Amino acid sequence: MENIIWEGKASWKSAIGVLDIILALFTLGFWLIVPAIKMISLNKTKYKVTTQRIVIKEGIASTSSSEIELYRVKDLSVTQTFMQKILNIGDITIKSAGMQNTNLEMKAIPNPEQLREQIRASVGTTRKDNNIRLNESI
């Protein structure tokens, strides 16, 4: 006659190492995916400042393009978070004069104060070259 001395299953404790690794990879993967998506999005945004206009093209699957003629630029402002200040980057908001009152935003721009001043100087030059007075462009 045969008697059972012990009956059971493998302990779940043996799976802790595997579960820990899976959980760590999932958590780490999530925290890597968010910045990766942000980087792809930022990388797919192109800014161009010419002597005549500011052009912003953005998008991955679908794209959009916005532009403001320099002579229509009414105001420029720079915004920097604490972290952006440390990294010497910032966002430039461009306000347009005219019926649409369009605003464009250039995000995460290196040396934003310097670019703002370059744009401001170009706006003045463009208005002067085209004989546009400030009150005519507002």
C-alpha atoms as a PDB file:
ATOM      1  CA  MET A   1       0.000   0.000   0.000  1.00  0.00           C
ATOM      2  CA  GLU A   2       1.293   3.472  -0.969  1.00  0.00           C
ATOM      3  CA  ASN A   3       0.908   6.479   1.382  1.00  0.00           C
ATOM      4  CA  ILE A   4       1.297  10.137   0.420  1.00  0.00           C
ATOM      5  CA  ILE A   5       4.049  11.766   2.421  1.00  0.00           C
ATOM      6  CA  TRP A   6       3.726  15.229   0.823  1.00  0.00           C
ATOM      7  CA  GLU A   7       1.681  16.752  -1.968  1.00  0.00           C
ATOM      8  CA  GLY A   8       1.957  20.317  -3.335  1.00  0.00           C
ATOM      9  CA  LYS A   9       3.036  22.682  -6.085  1.00  0.00           C
ATOM     10  CA  ALA A  10       6.193  24.611  -6.776  1.00  0.00           C
ATOM     11  CA  SER A  11       6.383  27.735  -4.637  1.00  0.00           C
ATOM     12  CA  TRP A  12       5.548  31.040  -6.256  1.00  0.00           C
ATOM     13  CA  LYS A  13       8.591  32.430  -4.438  1.00  0.00           C
ATOM     14  CA  SER A  14      10.844  30.871  -7.038  1.00  0.00           C
ATOM     15  CA  ALA A  15       9.296  33.187  -9.616  1.00  0.00           C
ATOM     16  CA  ILE A  16      10.180  36.391  -7.744  1.00  0.00           C
ATOM     17  CA  GLY A  17      13.362  36.891  -9.757  1.00  0.00           C
ATOM     18  CA  VAL A  18      11.531  36.543 -13.064  1.00  0.00           C
ATOM     19  CA  LEU A  19       8.593  38.695 -11.926  1.00  0.00           C
ATOM     20  CA  ASP A  20      10.959  41.358 -10.658  1.00  0.00           C
ATOM     21  CA  ILE A  21      12.769  41.461 -13.974  1.00  0.00           C
ATOM     22  CA  ILE A  22       9.522  41.624 -15.948  1.00  0.00           C
ATOM     23  CA  LEU A  23       8.136  44.355 -13.682  1.00  0.00           C
ATOM     24  CA  ALA A  24      11.380  46.325 -13.835  1.00  0.00           C
ATOM     25  CA  LEU A  25      11.506  46.083 -17.630  1.00  0.00           C
ATOM     26  CA  PHE A  26       7.861  47.109 -17.910  1.00  0.00           C
ATOM     27  CA  THR A  27       8.352  50.066 -15.580  1.00  0.00           C
ATOM     28  CA  LEU A  28      11.652  51.088 -17.162  1.00  0.00           C
ATOM     29  CA  GLY A  29      10.174  50.578 -20.606  1.00  0.00           C
ATOM     30  CA  PHE A  30       7.275  52.874 -19.767  1.00  0.00           C
ATOM     31  CA  TRP A  31       9.624  55.572 -18.498  1.00  0.00           C
ATOM     32  CA  LEU A  32      11.740  55.228 -21.632  1.00  0.00           C
ATOM     33  CA  ILE A  33       8.774  55.290 -24.007  1.00  0.00           C
ATOM     34  CA  VAL A  34       7.446  58.646 -22.791  1.00  0.00           C
ATOM     35  CA  PRO A  35      10.730  60.546 -23.410  1.00  0.00           C
ATOM     36  CA  ALA A  36      11.231  58.663 -26.687  1.00  0.00           C
ATOM     37  CA  ILE A  37       7.841  59.818 -27.970  1.00  0.00           C
ATOM     38  CA  LYS A  38       8.644  63.364 -26.880  1.00  0.00           C
ATOM     39  CA  MET A  39      12.025  63.236 -28.649  1.00  0.00           C
ATOM     40  CA  ILE A  40      10.450  61.944 -31.857  1.00  0.00           C
ATOM     41  CA  SER A  41       7.819  64.683 -31.702  1.00  0.00           C
ATOM     42  CA  LEU A  42      10.417  67.406 -31.102  1.00  0.00           C
ATOM     43  CA  ASN A  43      12.630  65.991 -33.839  1.00  0.00           C
ATOM     44  CA  LYS A  44       9.750  66.162 -36.314  1.00  0.00           C
ATOM     45  CA  THR A  45       9.231  69.885 -35.719  1.00  0.00           C
ATOM     46  CA  LYS A  46      11.306  72.136 -37.959  1.00  0.00           C
ATOM     47  CA  TYR A  47      11.731  75.877 -37.554  1.00  0.00           C
ATOM     48  CA  LYS A  48      12.980  78.249 -40.219  1.00  0.00           C
ATOM     49  CA  VAL A  49      13.562  81.963 -39.777  1.00  0.00           C
ATOM     50  CA  THR A  50      14.331  83.747 -43.039  1.00  0.00           C
ATOM     51  CA  THR A  51      14.720  87.399 -43.903  1.00  0.00           C
ATOM     52  CA  GLN A  52      11.028  87.435 -44.895  1.00  0.00           C
ATOM     53  CA  ARG A  53       9.149  84.964 -42.672  1.00  0.00           C
ATOM     54  CA  ILE A  54       9.094  82.460 -39.831  1.00  0.00           C
ATOM     55  CA  VAL A  55       7.990  78.954 -40.840  1.00  0.00           C
ATOM     56  CA  ILE A  56       7.087  76.088 -38.505  1.00  0.00           C
ATOM     57  CA  LYS A  57       6.537  72.595 -39.929  1.00  0.00           C
ATOM     58  CA  GLU A  58       5.479  69.819 -37.593  1.00  0.00           C
ATOM     59  CA  GLY A  59       4.110  66.317 -37.615  1.00  0.00           C
ATOM     60  CA  ILE A  60       4.946  62.658 -37.986  1.00  0.00           C
ATOM     61  CA  ALA A  61       2.089  60.911 -39.800  1.00  0.00           C
ATOM     62  CA  SER A  62       0.206  64.061 -40.697  1.00  0.00           C
ATOM     63  CA  THR A  63       1.990  67.368 -41.055  1.00  0.00           C
ATOM     64  CA  SER A  64       1.103  71.007 -40.721  1.00  0.00           C
ATOM     65  CA  SER A  65       2.893  74.173 -41.709  1.00  0.00           C
ATOM     66  CA  SER A  66       2.424  77.653 -40.261  1.00  0.00           C
ATOM     67  CA  GLU A  67       4.143  80.884 -41.134  1.00  0.00           C
ATOM     68  CA  ILE A  68       4.165  84.556 -40.275  1.00  0.00           C
ATOM     69  CA  GLU A  69       5.630  87.251 -42.480  1.00  0.00           C
ATOM     70  CA  LEU A  70       8.271  89.138 -40.478  1.00  0.00           C
ATOM     71  CA  TYR A  71       6.690  92.528 -41.103  1.00  0.00           C
ATOM     72  CA  ARG A  72       3.530  91.225 -39.352  1.00  0.00           C
ATOM     73  CA  VAL A  73       5.320  90.229 -36.126  1.00  0.00           C
ATOM     74  CA  LYS A  74       3.790  92.292 -33.345  1.00  0.00           C
ATOM     75  CA  ASP A  75       5.448  90.849 -30.248  1.00  0.00           C
ATOM     76  CA  LEU A  76       8.016  88.241 -29.235  1.00  0.00           C
ATOM     77  CA  SER A  77       8.248  86.638 -25.813  1.00  0.00           C
ATOM     78  CA  VAL A  78      10.479  83.984 -24.274  1.00  0.00           C
ATOM     79  CA  THR A  79       9.265  81.550 -21.623  1.00  0.00           C
ATOM     80  CA  GLN A  80      11.639  79.297 -19.688  1.00  0.00           C
ATOM     81  CA  THR A  81      10.862  76.776 -16.980  1.00  0.00           C
ATOM     82  CA  PHE A  82      13.417  76.239 -14.232  1.00  0.00           C
ATOM     83  CA  MET A  83      14.813  73.180 -16.035  1.00  0.00           C
ATOM     84  CA  GLN A  84      14.870  75.005 -19.392  1.00  0.00           C
ATOM     85  CA  LYS A  85      16.857  77.826 -17.773  1.00  0.00           C
ATOM     86  CA  ILE A  86      19.452  75.318 -16.560  1.00  0.00           C
ATOM     87  CA  LEU A  87      19.631  73.786 -20.061  1.00  0.00           C
ATOM     88  CA  ASN A  88      19.646  77.234 -21.748  1.00  0.00           C
ATOM     89  CA  ILE A  89      16.603  76.441 -23.870  1.00  0.00           C
ATOM     90  CA  GLY A  90      13.172  78.055 -23.959  1.00  0.00           C
ATOM     91  CA  ASP A  91       9.958  78.635 -25.852  1.00  0.00           C
ATOM     92  CA  ILE A  92       9.498  81.681 -28.071  1.00  0.00           C
ATOM     93  CA  THR A  93       5.953  82.937 -28.670  1.00  0.00           C
ATOM     94  CA  ILE A  94       5.489  85.056 -31.786  1.00  0.00           C
ATOM     95  CA  LYS A  95       2.377  87.233 -31.896  1.00  0.00           C
ATOM     96  CA  SER A  96       1.210  88.441 -35.264  1.00  0.00           C
ATOM     97  CA  ALA A  97      -0.535  91.671 -36.149  1.00  0.00           C
ATOM     98  CA  GLY A  98      -3.464  91.598 -38.513  1.00  0.00           C
ATOM     99  CA  MET A  99      -6.959  90.216 -38.696  1.00  0.00           C
ATOM    100  CA  GLN A 100      -6.130  86.646 -37.645  1.00  0.00           C
ATOM    101  CA  ASN A 101      -4.089  87.651 -34.572  1.00  0.00           C
ATOM    102  CA  THR A 102      -2.050  84.489 -35.090  1.00  0.00           C
ATOM    103  CA  ASN A 103       0.380  83.210 -32.481  1.00  0.00           C
ATOM    104  CA  LEU A 104       3.163  80.763 -33.252  1.00  0.00           C
ATOM    105  CA  GLU A 105       5.242  78.959 -30.663  1.00  0.00           C
ATOM    106  CA  MET A 106       8.769  77.719 -31.155  1.00  0.00           C
ATOM    107  CA  LYS A 107       9.440  75.121 -28.442  1.00  0.00           C
ATOM    108  CA  ALA A 108      12.726  74.088 -26.797  1.00  0.00           C
ATOM    109  CA  ILE A 109      14.882  76.572 -28.713  1.00  0.00           C
ATOM    110  CA  PRO A 110      18.581  76.767 -27.764  1.00  0.00           C
ATOM    111  CA  ASN A 111      19.651  80.280 -26.681  1.00  0.00           C
ATOM    112  CA  PRO A 112      16.076  81.634 -26.958  1.00  0.00           C
ATOM    113  CA  GLU A 113      16.942  85.193 -25.886  1.00  0.00           C
ATOM    114  CA  GLN A 114      19.557  85.439 -28.629  1.00  0.00           C
ATOM    115  CA  LEU A 115      17.161  84.162 -31.313  1.00  0.00           C
ATOM    116  CA  ARG A 116      14.422  86.507 -30.092  1.00  0.00           C
ATOM    117  CA  GLU A 117      16.771  89.474 -30.537  1.00  0.00           C
ATOM    118  CA  GLN A 118      17.818  88.244 -34.012  1.00  0.00           C
ATOM    119  CA  ILE A 119      14.163  87.970 -35.027  1.00  0.00           C
ATOM    120  CA  ARG A 120      13.407  91.400 -33.528  1.00  0.00           C
ATOM    121  CA  ALA A 121      16.267  92.953 -35.534  1.00  0.00           C
ATOM    122  CA  SER A 122      15.093  91.212 -38.723  1.00  0.00           C
ATOM    123  CA  VAL A 123      11.535  92.446 -38.154  1.00  0.00           C
ATOM    124  CA  GLY A 124      12.835  96.023 -37.936  1.00  0.00           C
ATOM    125  CA  THR A 125      14.972  95.607 -41.049  1.00  0.00           C
ATOM    126  CA  THR A 126      12.092  94.071 -43.034  1.00  0.00           C
ATOM    127  CA  ARG A 127       9.717  96.870 -42.048  1.00  0.00           C
ATOM    128  CA  LYS A 128      12.317  99.490 -42.934  1.00  0.00           C
ATOM    129  CA  ASP A 129      13.145  97.860 -46.299  1.00  0.00           C
ATOM    130  CA  ASN A 130       9.442  97.663 -47.200  1.00  0.00           C
ATOM    131  CA  ASN A 131       8.568 101.120 -45.833  1.00  0.00           C
ATOM    132  CA  ILE A 132       6.108  99.680 -43.335  1.00  0.00           C
ATOM    133  CA  ARG A 133       5.432 101.763 -40.250  1.00  0.00           C
ATOM    134  CA  LEU A 134       4.577 100.015 -37.005  1.00  0.00           C
ATOM    135  CA  ASN A 135       1.028 101.392 -36.834  1.00  0.00           C
ATOM    136  CA  GLU A 136       0.333 100.101 -40.377  1.00  0.00           C
ATOM    137  CA  SER A 137       1.192  96.537 -39.428  1.00  0.00           C
ATOM    138  CA  ILE A 138      -1.036  96.379 -36.355  1.00  0.00           C
END
